[in-house]
Amino acid sequence: MCMVEEPTSSLSILLHLMSVITRESNAIDAIYTDTLFGHCSVLFKNGSCYHYKNVSRRALLNLKIQPNISLGSWANYNLPL
């Protein structure tokens, strides 16, 4: 018997491209990423939130798959002031 794998739904793919990154950080609570559009929002510990467009998709994916990247260092290197 041959098993046929169902095609992945568009919604499933979109959910994998959008994620919330939380790690131990002195300044950042979370980074919300949208890899499909190259956007991210950074929620700081003081309550402020900044939204960024045209963020490198490679940098967003790297942040998602590398658990040892510091959120603060990543934001300083990849996001404009």
C-alpha atoms as a PDB file:
ATOM      1  CA  MET A   1       0.000   0.000   0.000  1.00  0.00           C
ATOM      2  CA  CYS A   2       1.341   3.404  -0.940  1.00  0.00           C
ATOM      3  CA  MET A   3       0.796   6.281   1.430  1.00  0.00           C
ATOM      4  CA  VAL A   4       0.193   9.664  -0.130  1.00  0.00           C
ATOM      5  CA  GLU A   5       1.195  12.650   1.931  1.00  0.00           C
ATOM      6  CA  GLU A   6      -1.291  15.501   1.985  1.00  0.00           C
ATOM      7  CA  PRO A   7       0.039  18.804   0.703  1.00  0.00           C
ATOM      8  CA  THR A   8       0.869  21.301   3.403  1.00  0.00           C
ATOM      9  CA  SER A   9      -1.818  23.936   3.753  1.00  0.00           C
ATOM     10  CA  SER A  10      -1.043  27.598   3.226  1.00  0.00           C
ATOM     11  CA  LEU A  11      -2.162  28.372   6.767  1.00  0.00           C
ATOM     12  CA  SER A  12       0.290  25.825   8.166  1.00  0.00           C
ATOM     13  CA  ILE A  13       3.153  27.400   6.220  1.00  0.00           C
ATOM     14  CA  LEU A  14       2.165  30.897   7.381  1.00  0.00           C
ATOM     15  CA  LEU A  15       2.069  29.777  11.009  1.00  0.00           C
ATOM     16  CA  HIS A  16       5.629  28.507  10.699  1.00  0.00           C
ATOM     17  CA  LEU A  17       6.749  31.820   9.207  1.00  0.00           C
ATOM     18  CA  MET A  18       5.194  33.854  12.037  1.00  0.00           C
ATOM     19  CA  SER A  19       6.582  33.265  15.501  1.00  0.00           C
ATOM     20  CA  VAL A  20       7.198  34.758  18.914  1.00  0.00           C
ATOM     21  CA  ILE A  21      10.781  34.560  20.150  1.00  0.00           C
ATOM     22  CA  THR A  22      11.305  34.764  23.906  1.00  0.00           C
ATOM     23  CA  ARG A  23      14.613  34.250  25.663  1.00  0.00           C
ATOM     24  CA  GLU A  24      16.395  35.499  28.754  1.00  0.00           C
ATOM     25  CA  SER A  25      17.173  39.163  28.100  1.00  0.00           C
ATOM     26  CA  ASN A  26      17.775  42.276  30.202  1.00  0.00           C
ATOM     27  CA  ALA A  27      16.059  44.643  27.776  1.00  0.00           C
ATOM     28  CA  ILE A  28      13.713  42.650  25.496  1.00  0.00           C
ATOM     29  CA  ASP A  29      10.644  40.621  26.492  1.00  0.00           C
ATOM     30  CA  ALA A  30       9.881  39.184  23.045  1.00  0.00           C
ATOM     31  CA  ILE A  31      10.411  39.581  19.330  1.00  0.00           C
ATOM     32  CA  TYR A  32       7.434  38.847  17.090  1.00  0.00           C
ATOM     33  CA  THR A  33       8.614  37.826  13.629  1.00  0.00           C
ATOM     34  CA  ASP A  34       6.895  37.603  10.252  1.00  0.00           C
ATOM     35  CA  THR A  35       9.438  36.011   7.965  1.00  0.00           C
ATOM     36  CA  LEU A  36       7.160  36.029   4.918  1.00  0.00           C
ATOM     37  CA  PHE A  37       6.949  39.837   4.822  1.00  0.00           C
ATOM     38  CA  GLY A  38      10.249  40.649   6.561  1.00  0.00           C
ATOM     39  CA  HIS A  39       8.621  42.380   9.536  1.00  0.00           C
ATOM     40  CA  CYS A  40       9.233  42.130  13.243  1.00  0.00           C
ATOM     41  CA  SER A  41       8.025  43.817  16.391  1.00  0.00           C
ATOM     42  CA  VAL A  42      10.213  44.141  19.474  1.00  0.00           C
ATOM     43  CA  LEU A  43       8.552  44.321  22.881  1.00  0.00           C
ATOM     44  CA  PHE A  44      10.887  45.869  25.429  1.00  0.00           C
ATOM     45  CA  LYS A  45      10.815  45.285  29.188  1.00  0.00           C
ATOM     46  CA  ASN A  46       9.823  48.927  29.772  1.00  0.00           C
ATOM     47  CA  GLY A  47       6.589  48.299  27.834  1.00  0.00           C
ATOM     48  CA  SER A  48       7.489  50.047  24.579  1.00  0.00           C
ATOM     49  CA  CYS A  49       7.014  48.219  21.299  1.00  0.00           C
ATOM     50  CA  TYR A  50       8.681  49.028  17.980  1.00  0.00           C
ATOM     51  CA  HIS A  51       7.696  47.634  14.594  1.00  0.00           C
ATOM     52  CA  TYR A  52      10.292  47.173  11.848  1.00  0.00           C
ATOM     53  CA  LYS A  53       9.814  46.540   8.122  1.00  0.00           C
ATOM     54  CA  ASN A  54      12.305  45.334   5.505  1.00  0.00           C
ATOM     55  CA  VAL A  55      14.167  43.168   8.009  1.00  0.00           C
ATOM     56  CA  SER A  56      16.432  40.551   6.461  1.00  0.00           C
ATOM     57  CA  ARG A  57      14.486  37.311   6.115  1.00  0.00           C
ATOM     58  CA  ARG A  58      17.731  35.419   6.578  1.00  0.00           C
ATOM     59  CA  ALA A  59      18.309  37.227   9.886  1.00  0.00           C
ATOM     60  CA  LEU A  60      14.743  36.458  11.014  1.00  0.00           C
ATOM     61  CA  LEU A  61      15.128  32.760  10.190  1.00  0.00           C
ATOM     62  CA  ASN A  62      18.512  32.666  11.896  1.00  0.00           C
ATOM     63  CA  LEU A  63      16.992  34.143  15.063  1.00  0.00           C
ATOM     64  CA  LYS A  64      14.244  31.523  14.955  1.00  0.00           C
ATOM     65  CA  ILE A  65      16.482  28.471  14.535  1.00  0.00           C
ATOM     66  CA  GLN A  66      19.492  29.504  16.669  1.00  0.00           C
ATOM     67  CA  PRO A  67      18.460  29.352  20.345  1.00  0.00           C
ATOM     68  CA  ASN A  68      21.772  30.762  21.592  1.00  0.00           C
ATOM     69  CA  ILE A  69      21.483  34.168  19.858  1.00  0.00           C
ATOM     70  CA  SER A  70      21.030  37.024  22.316  1.00  0.00           C
ATOM     71  CA  LEU A  71      17.881  39.024  21.557  1.00  0.00           C
ATOM     72  CA  GLY A  72      19.563  42.327  22.381  1.00  0.00           C
ATOM     73  CA  SER A  73      22.624  41.638  20.243  1.00  0.00           C
ATOM     74  CA  TRP A  74      20.457  40.427  17.378  1.00  0.00           C
ATOM     75  CA  ALA A  75      18.282  43.565  17.545  1.00  0.00           C
ATOM     76  CA  ASN A  76      21.311  45.892  17.712  1.00  0.00           C
ATOM     77  CA  TYR A  77      22.942  44.241  14.692  1.00  0.00           C
ATOM     78  CA  ASN A  78      19.886  43.647  12.468  1.00  0.00           C
ATOM     79  CA  LEU A  79      17.466  46.482  13.202  1.00  0.00           C
ATOM     80  CA  PRO A  80      17.923  50.159  12.304  1.00  0.00           C
ATOM     81  CA  LEU A  81      18.080  52.733  15.082  1.00  0.00           C
END
